[in-house]
Amino acid sequence: MANWTPLHIAALMLLYGADPTNESLEGKTSLQVAAEQHNEGVVELLATMDSPFAASDILLAAIQCRSHRLVNSFYPDPFDPLDIRAILLLAAKPDDLALIEMTCEKFTSDQIDKVAFDACSAAIDSSRADILKTLLQRGADVQAKGPWRRNLLHLAVGADDISLATTLINHGIDVSAQ
């Protein structure tokens, strides 16, 4: 068994009837564990079998693996706006500009506008003006306000990052907003 990979073991377990939705002692399914370990092969196996997992869970696992191929393969249609928020946020956290662009291509600017504040906040938290710019170009509302009525400029100033503030100003944020 020394040459067996996690993919071999997962395939064998499924062949003998293991339920992939059973949770570990930490409360994680096999799909979640495979995604956390960035094991693209196991995620693909679990997604392509007669999968008991929701399409949005499979897509989130593909994003967590940072596999552009899998993400492109598993976009469900139609898509729930809450899932769009989760996907944008998850893609923004590992600082994956290509994944953000791919995600934005899948949705209309109106769909992105309604859910992108959290992803913009994550881009600001990671000091990624390029990701912030992409989200704004693809439809994120530059004037959106989050908790405590703070807008994106408040967050950029709090991060002490001039490139983030400049990006927001260039996209027309109201600098006098309170």
N, C-alpha and C. Protein backbone atom coordinates (compact mmCIF):
# COMPACT_ATOMS: atom_id res chain seq x y z
N MET A 1 0.81 -1.20 0.00
CA MET A 1 0.00 0.00 0.00
C MET A 1 0.85 1.26 0.00
N ALA A 2 2.16 1.11 0.01
CA ALA A 2 3.02 2.28 0.09
C ALA A 2 2.89 3.20 -1.12
N ASN A 3 2.49 2.66 -2.27
CA ASN A 3 2.37 3.47 -3.48
C ASN A 3 0.96 3.99 -3.71
N TRP A 4 0.07 3.77 -2.78
CA TRP A 4 -1.31 4.20 -2.95
C TRP A 4 -1.43 5.69 -2.65
N THR A 5 -2.19 6.36 -3.48
CA THR A 5 -2.45 7.79 -3.27
C THR A 5 -3.82 7.95 -2.59
N PRO A 6 -4.13 9.13 -2.09
CA PRO A 6 -5.46 9.36 -1.53
C PRO A 6 -6.57 9.06 -2.55
N LEU A 7 -6.29 9.29 -3.83
CA LEU A 7 -7.29 9.00 -4.86
C LEU A 7 -7.56 7.50 -4.95
N HIS A 8 -6.50 6.67 -4.87
CA HIS A 8 -6.68 5.22 -4.88
C HIS A 8 -7.52 4.77 -3.69
N ILE A 9 -7.20 5.30 -2.54
CA ILE A 9 -7.91 4.90 -1.32
C ILE A 9 -9.37 5.33 -1.38
N ALA A 10 -9.63 6.56 -1.84
CA ALA A 10 -11.01 7.04 -1.95
C ALA A 10 -11.80 6.19 -2.93
N ALA A 11 -11.21 5.87 -4.07
CA ALA A 11 -11.90 5.06 -5.07
C ALA A 11 -12.23 3.68 -4.51
N LEU A 12 -11.29 3.08 -3.80
CA LEU A 12 -11.51 1.76 -3.21
C LEU A 12 -12.61 1.81 -2.16
N MET A 13 -12.60 2.83 -1.32
CA MET A 13 -13.63 2.96 -0.29
C MET A 13 -15.02 3.12 -0.93
N LEU A 14 -15.11 3.92 -1.98
CA LEU A 14 -16.39 4.11 -2.66
C LEU A 14 -16.84 2.83 -3.34
N LEU A 15 -15.90 2.11 -3.91
CA LEU A 15 -16.21 0.84 -4.56
C LEU A 15 -16.84 -0.14 -3.57
N TYR A 16 -16.39 -0.10 -2.32
CA TYR A 16 -16.92 -1.00 -1.30
C TYR A 16 -18.06 -0.38 -0.50
N GLY A 17 -18.63 0.71 -1.00
CA GLY A 17 -19.86 1.23 -0.43
C GLY A 17 -19.74 2.28 0.66
N ALA A 18 -18.57 2.87 0.83
CA ALA A 18 -18.45 3.93 1.84
C ALA A 18 -19.34 5.11 1.47
N ASP A 19 -19.94 5.73 2.47
CA ASP A 19 -20.79 6.88 2.25
C ASP A 19 -19.93 8.15 2.35
N PRO A 20 -19.71 8.86 1.22
CA PRO A 20 -18.82 10.03 1.26
C PRO A 20 -19.39 11.21 2.05
N THR A 21 -20.67 11.14 2.41
CA THR A 21 -21.24 12.25 3.18
C THR A 21 -21.07 12.06 4.69
N ASN A 22 -20.60 10.89 5.11
CA ASN A 22 -20.35 10.70 6.54
C ASN A 22 -19.29 11.70 6.99
N GLU A 23 -19.46 12.21 8.19
CA GLU A 23 -18.55 13.22 8.70
C GLU A 23 -17.47 12.62 9.59
N SER A 24 -16.31 13.23 9.56
CA SER A 24 -15.20 12.83 10.43
C SER A 24 -15.50 13.27 11.86
N LEU A 25 -14.60 12.97 12.76
CA LEU A 25 -14.76 13.42 14.15
C LEU A 25 -14.76 14.95 14.24
N GLU A 26 -14.12 15.61 13.25
CA GLU A 26 -14.10 17.07 13.22
C GLU A 26 -15.34 17.64 12.53
N GLY A 27 -16.26 16.78 12.08
CA GLY A 27 -17.48 17.23 11.43
C GLY A 27 -17.33 17.58 9.97
N LYS A 28 -16.33 17.00 9.30
CA LYS A 28 -16.07 17.31 7.90
C LYS A 28 -16.38 16.10 7.02
N THR A 29 -16.93 16.37 5.84
CA THR A 29 -17.18 15.29 4.88
C THR A 29 -15.89 15.03 4.10
N SER A 30 -15.89 13.93 3.36
CA SER A 30 -14.72 13.60 2.54
C SER A 30 -14.45 14.70 1.50
N LEU A 31 -15.50 15.31 0.99
CA LEU A 31 -15.33 16.40 0.02
C LEU A 31 -14.62 17.59 0.67
N GLN A 32 -15.02 17.94 1.87
CA GLN A 32 -14.39 19.06 2.56
C GLN A 32 -12.92 18.77 2.87
N VAL A 33 -12.63 17.55 3.30
CA VAL A 33 -11.24 17.19 3.62
C VAL A 33 -10.39 17.21 2.35
N ALA A 34 -10.91 16.64 1.26
CA ALA A 34 -10.17 16.63 0.00
C ALA A 34 -9.89 18.06 -0.47
N ALA A 35 -10.88 18.95 -0.32
CA ALA A 35 -10.70 20.34 -0.74
C ALA A 35 -9.66 21.04 0.12
N GLU A 36 -9.72 20.84 1.43
CA GLU A 36 -8.75 21.46 2.34
C GLU A 36 -7.33 21.02 2.02
N GLN A 37 -7.19 19.78 1.57
CA GLN A 37 -5.86 19.24 1.24
C GLN A 37 -5.48 19.52 -0.21
N HIS A 38 -6.32 20.27 -0.90
CA HIS A 38 -6.10 20.62 -2.31
C HIS A 38 -5.91 19.38 -3.18
N ASN A 39 -6.67 18.33 -2.87
CA ASN A 39 -6.56 17.08 -3.62
C ASN A 39 -7.60 17.09 -4.75
N GLU A 40 -7.19 17.63 -5.87
CA GLU A 40 -8.06 17.81 -7.02
C GLU A 40 -8.64 16.47 -7.52
N GLY A 41 -7.84 15.43 -7.51
CA GLY A 41 -8.30 14.13 -7.99
C GLY A 41 -9.45 13.57 -7.17
N VAL A 42 -9.35 13.66 -5.85
CA VAL A 42 -10.41 13.14 -4.98
C VAL A 42 -11.66 14.01 -5.10
N VAL A 43 -11.50 15.33 -5.17
CA VAL A 43 -12.65 16.21 -5.35
C VAL A 43 -13.37 15.86 -6.65
N GLU A 44 -12.61 15.66 -7.72
CA GLU A 44 -13.22 15.31 -9.00
C GLU A 44 -13.93 13.96 -8.93
N LEU A 45 -13.32 12.98 -8.28
CA LEU A 45 -13.94 11.67 -8.11
C LEU A 45 -15.27 11.80 -7.37
N LEU A 46 -15.26 12.52 -6.27
CA LEU A 46 -16.48 12.68 -5.47
C LEU A 46 -17.55 13.47 -6.22
N ALA A 47 -17.12 14.38 -7.08
CA ALA A 47 -18.06 15.22 -7.82
C ALA A 47 -18.67 14.49 -9.02
N THR A 48 -17.91 13.61 -9.62
CA THR A 48 -18.37 12.99 -10.86
C THR A 48 -19.08 11.66 -10.64
N MET A 49 -18.92 11.07 -9.49
CA MET A 49 -19.69 9.86 -9.22
C MET A 49 -21.15 10.26 -9.05
N ASP A 50 -22.03 9.35 -8.81
CA ASP A 50 -23.43 9.69 -8.57
C ASP A 50 -23.45 10.47 -7.26
N SER A 51 -23.09 11.74 -7.35
CA SER A 51 -22.74 12.52 -6.17
C SER A 51 -23.93 12.92 -5.30
N PRO A 52 -23.79 12.64 -4.01
CA PRO A 52 -24.81 13.08 -3.06
C PRO A 52 -24.60 14.52 -2.61
N PHE A 53 -23.54 15.16 -3.09
CA PHE A 53 -23.22 16.52 -2.66
C PHE A 53 -23.95 17.54 -3.52
N ALA A 54 -24.34 18.65 -2.90
CA ALA A 54 -24.98 19.74 -3.63
C ALA A 54 -23.99 20.35 -4.61
N ALA A 55 -24.51 20.85 -5.72
CA ALA A 55 -23.65 21.45 -6.75
C ALA A 55 -22.82 22.59 -6.17
N SER A 56 -23.41 23.37 -5.28
CA SER A 56 -22.65 24.49 -4.70
C SER A 56 -21.51 23.99 -3.80
N ASP A 57 -21.70 22.86 -3.10
CA ASP A 57 -20.62 22.30 -2.28
C ASP A 57 -19.47 21.82 -3.16
N ILE A 58 -19.82 21.22 -4.29
CA ILE A 58 -18.78 20.74 -5.22
C ILE A 58 -18.00 21.92 -5.78
N LEU A 59 -18.71 22.96 -6.15
CA LEU A 59 -18.04 24.14 -6.69
C LEU A 59 -17.14 24.79 -5.65
N LEU A 60 -17.63 24.91 -4.42
CA LEU A 60 -16.80 25.50 -3.36
C LEU A 60 -15.55 24.65 -3.12
N ALA A 61 -15.69 23.32 -3.20
CA ALA A 61 -14.53 22.44 -3.04
C ALA A 61 -13.53 22.66 -4.18
N ALA A 62 -14.04 22.82 -5.40
CA ALA A 62 -13.15 23.07 -6.55
C ALA A 62 -12.41 24.39 -6.38
N ILE A 63 -13.12 25.40 -5.86
CA ILE A 63 -12.47 26.70 -5.62
C ILE A 63 -11.42 26.56 -4.54
N GLN A 64 -11.75 25.84 -3.48
CA GLN A 64 -10.79 25.69 -2.39
C GLN A 64 -9.55 24.93 -2.86
N CYS A 65 -9.71 24.01 -3.81
CA CYS A 65 -8.57 23.32 -4.40
C CYS A 65 -7.76 24.23 -5.31
N ARG A 66 -8.38 25.36 -5.66
CA ARG A 66 -7.78 26.33 -6.59
C ARG A 66 -7.53 25.70 -7.95
N SER A 67 -8.49 24.86 -8.35
CA SER A 67 -8.41 24.19 -9.65
C SER A 67 -9.34 24.91 -10.63
N HIS A 68 -8.75 25.67 -11.51
CA HIS A 68 -9.55 26.41 -12.48
C HIS A 68 -10.31 25.44 -13.40
N ARG A 69 -9.71 24.32 -13.72
CA ARG A 69 -10.36 23.32 -14.57
C ARG A 69 -11.62 22.80 -13.91
N LEU A 70 -11.53 22.42 -12.64
CA LEU A 70 -12.70 21.91 -11.93
C LEU A 70 -13.76 22.99 -11.73
N VAL A 71 -13.32 24.20 -11.40
CA VAL A 71 -14.28 25.29 -11.20
C VAL A 71 -15.09 25.48 -12.47
N ASN A 72 -14.40 25.52 -13.60
CA ASN A 72 -15.08 25.72 -14.87
C ASN A 72 -16.04 24.57 -15.18
N SER A 73 -15.70 23.37 -14.75
CA SER A 73 -16.53 22.19 -15.03
C SER A 73 -17.78 22.12 -14.17
N PHE A 74 -17.73 22.65 -12.96
CA PHE A 74 -18.80 22.40 -12.01
C PHE A 74 -19.65 23.62 -11.67
N TYR A 75 -19.66 24.65 -12.52
CA TYR A 75 -20.56 25.77 -12.27
C TYR A 75 -21.99 25.33 -12.54
N PRO A 76 -22.84 25.33 -11.53
CA PRO A 76 -24.25 24.97 -11.77
C PRO A 76 -24.99 26.16 -12.40
N ASP A 77 -26.08 25.85 -13.05
CA ASP A 77 -26.89 26.90 -13.64
C ASP A 77 -28.35 26.50 -13.50
N PRO A 78 -29.22 27.28 -12.90
CA PRO A 78 -28.99 28.61 -12.35
C PRO A 78 -28.27 28.53 -11.01
N PHE A 79 -27.83 29.68 -10.54
CA PHE A 79 -27.03 29.73 -9.33
C PHE A 79 -27.69 30.61 -8.29
N ASP A 80 -27.68 30.20 -7.04
CA ASP A 80 -28.26 30.96 -5.95
C ASP A 80 -27.35 32.14 -5.59
N PRO A 81 -27.91 33.35 -5.42
CA PRO A 81 -27.09 34.52 -5.09
C PRO A 81 -26.25 34.35 -3.83
N LEU A 82 -26.75 33.61 -2.85
CA LEU A 82 -25.94 33.38 -1.64
C LEU A 82 -24.70 32.57 -1.97
N ASP A 83 -24.81 31.66 -2.93
CA ASP A 83 -23.64 30.89 -3.34
C ASP A 83 -22.65 31.77 -4.08
N ILE A 84 -23.15 32.73 -4.85
CA ILE A 84 -22.25 33.65 -5.56
C ILE A 84 -21.41 34.41 -4.53
N ARG A 85 -22.04 34.87 -3.44
CA ARG A 85 -21.31 35.58 -2.38
C ARG A 85 -20.22 34.67 -1.79
N ALA A 86 -20.56 33.45 -1.48
CA ALA A 86 -19.59 32.52 -0.89
C ALA A 86 -18.43 32.26 -1.85
N ILE A 87 -18.75 32.10 -3.12
CA ILE A 87 -17.71 31.82 -4.10
C ILE A 87 -16.78 33.00 -4.26
N LEU A 88 -17.32 34.19 -4.40
CA LEU A 88 -16.46 35.38 -4.54
C LEU A 88 -15.60 35.57 -3.30
N LEU A 89 -16.17 35.36 -2.14
CA LEU A 89 -15.41 35.53 -0.91
C LEU A 89 -14.30 34.49 -0.81
N LEU A 90 -14.62 33.24 -1.12
CA LEU A 90 -13.61 32.18 -1.05
C LEU A 90 -12.51 32.41 -2.07
N ALA A 91 -12.87 32.87 -3.26
CA ALA A 91 -11.87 33.11 -4.29
C ALA A 91 -11.00 34.31 -3.94
N ALA A 92 -11.55 35.31 -3.26
CA ALA A 92 -10.78 36.50 -2.91
C ALA A 92 -9.78 36.20 -1.80
N LYS A 93 -10.11 35.30 -0.91
CA LYS A 93 -9.22 35.04 0.23
C LYS A 93 -7.87 34.45 -0.16
N PRO A 94 -7.80 33.49 -1.10
CA PRO A 94 -6.46 33.01 -1.44
C PRO A 94 -5.75 33.91 -2.46
N ASP A 95 -6.31 35.09 -2.72
CA ASP A 95 -5.68 36.04 -3.64
C ASP A 95 -5.52 35.47 -5.04
N ASP A 96 -6.58 34.88 -5.57
CA ASP A 96 -6.50 34.24 -6.88
C ASP A 96 -7.25 35.10 -7.89
N LEU A 97 -6.54 36.01 -8.54
CA LEU A 97 -7.15 36.94 -9.48
C LEU A 97 -7.79 36.19 -10.65
N ALA A 98 -7.13 35.17 -11.18
CA ALA A 98 -7.69 34.43 -12.31
C ALA A 98 -9.01 33.77 -11.93
N LEU A 99 -9.09 33.28 -10.72
CA LEU A 99 -10.32 32.64 -10.25
C LEU A 99 -11.43 33.68 -10.06
N ILE A 100 -11.08 34.85 -9.57
CA ILE A 100 -12.07 35.93 -9.44
C ILE A 100 -12.59 36.30 -10.82
N GLU A 101 -11.70 36.44 -11.79
CA GLU A 101 -12.12 36.80 -13.15
C GLU A 101 -13.03 35.73 -13.74
N MET A 102 -12.67 34.46 -13.55
CA MET A 102 -13.49 33.36 -14.05
C MET A 102 -14.87 33.38 -13.39
N THR A 103 -14.89 33.62 -12.09
CA THR A 103 -16.16 33.67 -11.37
C THR A 103 -17.02 34.82 -11.88
N CYS A 104 -16.41 35.98 -12.06
CA CYS A 104 -17.16 37.15 -12.53
C CYS A 104 -17.71 36.95 -13.93
N GLU A 105 -17.00 36.20 -14.76
CA GLU A 105 -17.48 35.94 -16.12
C GLU A 105 -18.77 35.13 -16.13
N LYS A 106 -19.00 34.36 -15.07
CA LYS A 106 -20.16 33.47 -15.03
C LYS A 106 -21.45 34.19 -14.65
N PHE A 107 -21.35 35.41 -14.13
CA PHE A 107 -22.52 36.09 -13.61
C PHE A 107 -22.68 37.47 -14.23
N THR A 108 -23.90 37.98 -14.19
CA THR A 108 -24.14 39.34 -14.68
C THR A 108 -23.62 40.34 -13.64
N SER A 109 -23.41 41.57 -14.09
CA SER A 109 -22.93 42.59 -13.16
C SER A 109 -23.96 42.85 -12.06
N ASP A 110 -25.27 42.70 -12.36
CA ASP A 110 -26.29 42.87 -11.33
C ASP A 110 -26.18 41.79 -10.26
N GLN A 111 -25.91 40.55 -10.67
CA GLN A 111 -25.75 39.47 -9.69
C GLN A 111 -24.53 39.73 -8.81
N ILE A 112 -23.46 40.17 -9.40
CA ILE A 112 -22.23 40.43 -8.65
C ILE A 112 -22.43 41.61 -7.70
N ASP A 113 -23.08 42.66 -8.20
CA ASP A 113 -23.31 43.86 -7.41
C ASP A 113 -23.99 43.55 -6.08
N LYS A 114 -24.94 42.64 -6.10
CA LYS A 114 -25.74 42.35 -4.90
C LYS A 114 -24.95 41.61 -3.82
N VAL A 115 -23.84 41.00 -4.18
CA VAL A 115 -23.18 40.13 -3.20
C VAL A 115 -21.68 40.40 -3.03
N ALA A 116 -21.14 41.38 -3.72
CA ALA A 116 -19.68 41.50 -3.79
C ALA A 116 -19.02 42.28 -2.65
N PHE A 117 -19.80 42.90 -1.76
CA PHE A 117 -19.16 43.68 -0.70
C PHE A 117 -18.19 42.82 0.12
N ASP A 118 -18.60 41.61 0.47
CA ASP A 118 -17.72 40.74 1.27
C ASP A 118 -16.44 40.39 0.52
N ALA A 119 -16.55 40.13 -0.78
CA ALA A 119 -15.36 39.81 -1.56
C ALA A 119 -14.45 41.03 -1.69
N CYS A 120 -15.04 42.20 -1.87
CA CYS A 120 -14.24 43.43 -1.91
C CYS A 120 -13.53 43.64 -0.57
N SER A 121 -14.23 43.38 0.51
CA SER A 121 -13.62 43.50 1.84
C SER A 121 -12.45 42.54 1.99
N ALA A 122 -12.61 41.31 1.49
CA ALA A 122 -11.52 40.32 1.57
C ALA A 122 -10.32 40.79 0.74
N ALA A 123 -10.59 41.38 -0.44
CA ALA A 123 -9.50 41.91 -1.26
C ALA A 123 -8.77 43.04 -0.53
N ILE A 124 -9.53 43.88 0.15
CA ILE A 124 -8.93 44.97 0.92
C ILE A 124 -8.11 44.39 2.08
N ASP A 125 -8.66 43.39 2.78
CA ASP A 125 -7.94 42.76 3.89
C ASP A 125 -6.60 42.18 3.44
N SER A 126 -6.55 41.66 2.19
CA SER A 126 -5.30 41.08 1.69
C SER A 126 -4.46 42.05 0.87
N SER A 127 -4.87 43.34 0.89
CA SER A 127 -4.15 44.39 0.16
C SER A 127 -3.99 44.06 -1.32
N ARG A 128 -5.06 43.57 -1.93
CA ARG A 128 -5.04 43.20 -3.35
C ARG A 128 -5.87 44.18 -4.17
N ALA A 129 -5.25 45.27 -4.58
CA ALA A 129 -5.93 46.28 -5.39
C ALA A 129 -6.36 45.69 -6.73
N ASP A 130 -5.59 44.74 -7.27
CA ASP A 130 -5.95 44.14 -8.56
C ASP A 130 -7.26 43.36 -8.46
N ILE A 131 -7.45 42.63 -7.37
CA ILE A 131 -8.70 41.88 -7.18
C ILE A 131 -9.85 42.86 -6.94
N LEU A 132 -9.61 43.87 -6.14
CA LEU A 132 -10.63 44.89 -5.89
C LEU A 132 -11.05 45.56 -7.20
N LYS A 133 -10.07 45.92 -8.03
CA LYS A 133 -10.35 46.57 -9.31
C LYS A 133 -11.19 45.64 -10.21
N THR A 134 -10.84 44.37 -10.26
CA THR A 134 -11.59 43.41 -11.08
C THR A 134 -13.04 43.31 -10.61
N LEU A 135 -13.23 43.21 -9.30
CA LEU A 135 -14.60 43.13 -8.77
C LEU A 135 -15.40 44.38 -9.10
N LEU A 136 -14.78 45.54 -8.99
CA LEU A 136 -15.47 46.79 -9.30
C LEU A 136 -15.77 46.90 -10.80
N GLN A 137 -14.83 46.47 -11.62
CA GLN A 137 -15.05 46.51 -13.07
C GLN A 137 -16.17 45.54 -13.49
N ARG A 138 -16.33 44.46 -12.73
CA ARG A 138 -17.32 43.44 -13.08
C ARG A 138 -18.68 43.67 -12.46
N GLY A 139 -18.84 44.74 -11.70
CA GLY A 139 -20.18 45.06 -11.23
C GLY A 139 -20.35 45.28 -9.74
N ALA A 140 -19.31 45.11 -8.95
CA ALA A 140 -19.44 45.37 -7.51
C ALA A 140 -19.74 46.85 -7.30
N ASP A 141 -20.64 47.15 -6.40
CA ASP A 141 -21.05 48.52 -6.13
C ASP A 141 -20.00 49.21 -5.28
N VAL A 142 -19.35 50.20 -5.87
CA VAL A 142 -18.30 50.93 -5.16
C VAL A 142 -18.87 51.69 -3.96
N GLN A 143 -20.16 52.01 -3.99
CA GLN A 143 -20.79 52.77 -2.90
C GLN A 143 -21.39 51.87 -1.82
N ALA A 144 -21.28 50.56 -1.96
CA ALA A 144 -21.92 49.64 -1.01
C ALA A 144 -21.41 49.88 0.41
N LYS A 145 -22.29 49.62 1.36
CA LYS A 145 -21.91 49.76 2.77
C LYS A 145 -22.12 48.42 3.46
N GLY A 146 -21.21 48.14 4.35
CA GLY A 146 -21.29 46.90 5.11
C GLY A 146 -21.78 47.17 6.52
N PRO A 147 -21.37 46.31 7.44
CA PRO A 147 -21.76 46.48 8.84
C PRO A 147 -21.33 47.86 9.37
N TRP A 148 -22.12 48.39 10.22
CA TRP A 148 -21.86 49.69 10.85
C TRP A 148 -21.78 50.80 9.81
N ARG A 149 -22.42 50.59 8.66
CA ARG A 149 -22.51 51.59 7.59
C ARG A 149 -21.14 52.03 7.08
N ARG A 150 -20.17 51.16 7.22
CA ARG A 150 -18.83 51.47 6.71
C ARG A 150 -18.78 51.10 5.24
N ASN A 151 -18.19 51.98 4.43
CA ASN A 151 -18.05 51.65 3.01
C ASN A 151 -16.64 51.12 2.74
N LEU A 152 -16.38 50.82 1.48
CA LEU A 152 -15.10 50.22 1.13
C LEU A 152 -13.93 51.19 1.36
N LEU A 153 -14.17 52.47 1.19
CA LEU A 153 -13.10 53.44 1.44
C LEU A 153 -12.72 53.47 2.91
N HIS A 154 -13.71 53.36 3.79
CA HIS A 154 -13.40 53.29 5.23
C HIS A 154 -12.48 52.09 5.50
N LEU A 155 -12.78 50.96 4.85
CA LEU A 155 -11.96 49.76 5.05
C LEU A 155 -10.55 49.96 4.50
N ALA A 156 -10.44 50.58 3.32
CA ALA A 156 -9.12 50.81 2.70
C ALA A 156 -8.28 51.76 3.55
N VAL A 157 -8.91 52.80 4.08
CA VAL A 157 -8.19 53.74 4.95
C VAL A 157 -7.74 53.01 6.21
N GLY A 158 -8.62 52.18 6.76
CA GLY A 158 -8.25 51.40 7.95
C GLY A 158 -7.10 50.44 7.68
N ALA A 159 -6.98 49.98 6.43
CA ALA A 159 -5.88 49.07 6.06
C ALA A 159 -4.60 49.84 5.77
N ASP A 160 -4.72 51.20 5.73
CA ASP A 160 -3.56 52.05 5.49
C ASP A 160 -2.86 51.70 4.17
N ASP A 161 -3.68 51.54 3.11
CA ASP A 161 -3.15 51.14 1.81
C ASP A 161 -3.61 52.14 0.75
N ILE A 162 -2.68 52.97 0.28
CA ILE A 162 -3.01 54.02 -0.67
C ILE A 162 -3.46 53.45 -2.01
N SER A 163 -2.93 52.30 -2.42
CA SER A 163 -3.32 51.74 -3.72
C SER A 163 -4.79 51.30 -3.69
N LEU A 164 -5.25 50.80 -2.55
CA LEU A 164 -6.67 50.41 -2.43
C LEU A 164 -7.56 51.65 -2.47
N ALA A 165 -7.18 52.68 -1.73
CA ALA A 165 -7.96 53.92 -1.71
C ALA A 165 -7.98 54.54 -3.10
N THR A 166 -6.86 54.54 -3.79
CA THR A 166 -6.78 55.10 -5.14
C THR A 166 -7.69 54.33 -6.10
N THR A 167 -7.68 53.01 -5.99
CA THR A 167 -8.55 52.17 -6.83
C THR A 167 -10.01 52.54 -6.62
N LEU A 168 -10.40 52.71 -5.38
CA LEU A 168 -11.79 53.07 -5.07
C LEU A 168 -12.13 54.47 -5.59
N ILE A 169 -11.24 55.41 -5.40
CA ILE A 169 -11.47 56.78 -5.88
C ILE A 169 -11.57 56.79 -7.40
N ASN A 170 -10.71 56.03 -8.07
CA ASN A 170 -10.76 55.95 -9.53
C ASN A 170 -12.05 55.32 -10.04
N HIS A 171 -12.71 54.54 -9.20
CA HIS A 171 -13.99 53.92 -9.58
C HIS A 171 -15.18 54.71 -9.06
N GLY A 172 -14.92 55.92 -8.55
CA GLY A 172 -16.01 56.84 -8.25
C GLY A 172 -16.62 56.73 -6.87
N ILE A 173 -15.89 56.21 -5.90
CA ILE A 173 -16.47 56.14 -4.56
C ILE A 173 -16.70 57.56 -4.03
N ASP A 174 -17.75 57.72 -3.27
CA ASP A 174 -18.07 59.01 -2.67
C ASP A 174 -17.12 59.25 -1.49
N VAL A 175 -16.16 60.14 -1.69
CA VAL A 175 -15.16 60.37 -0.66
C VAL A 175 -15.72 61.14 0.53
N SER A 176 -16.91 61.71 0.39
CA SER A 176 -17.52 62.43 1.51
C SER A 176 -18.54 61.59 2.27
N ALA A 177 -18.65 60.32 1.90
CA ALA A 177 -19.63 59.44 2.57
C ALA A 177 -19.26 59.27 4.04
N GLN A 178 -20.29 59.20 4.87
CA GLN A 178 -20.05 59.05 6.31
C GLN A 178 -20.48 57.69 6.78
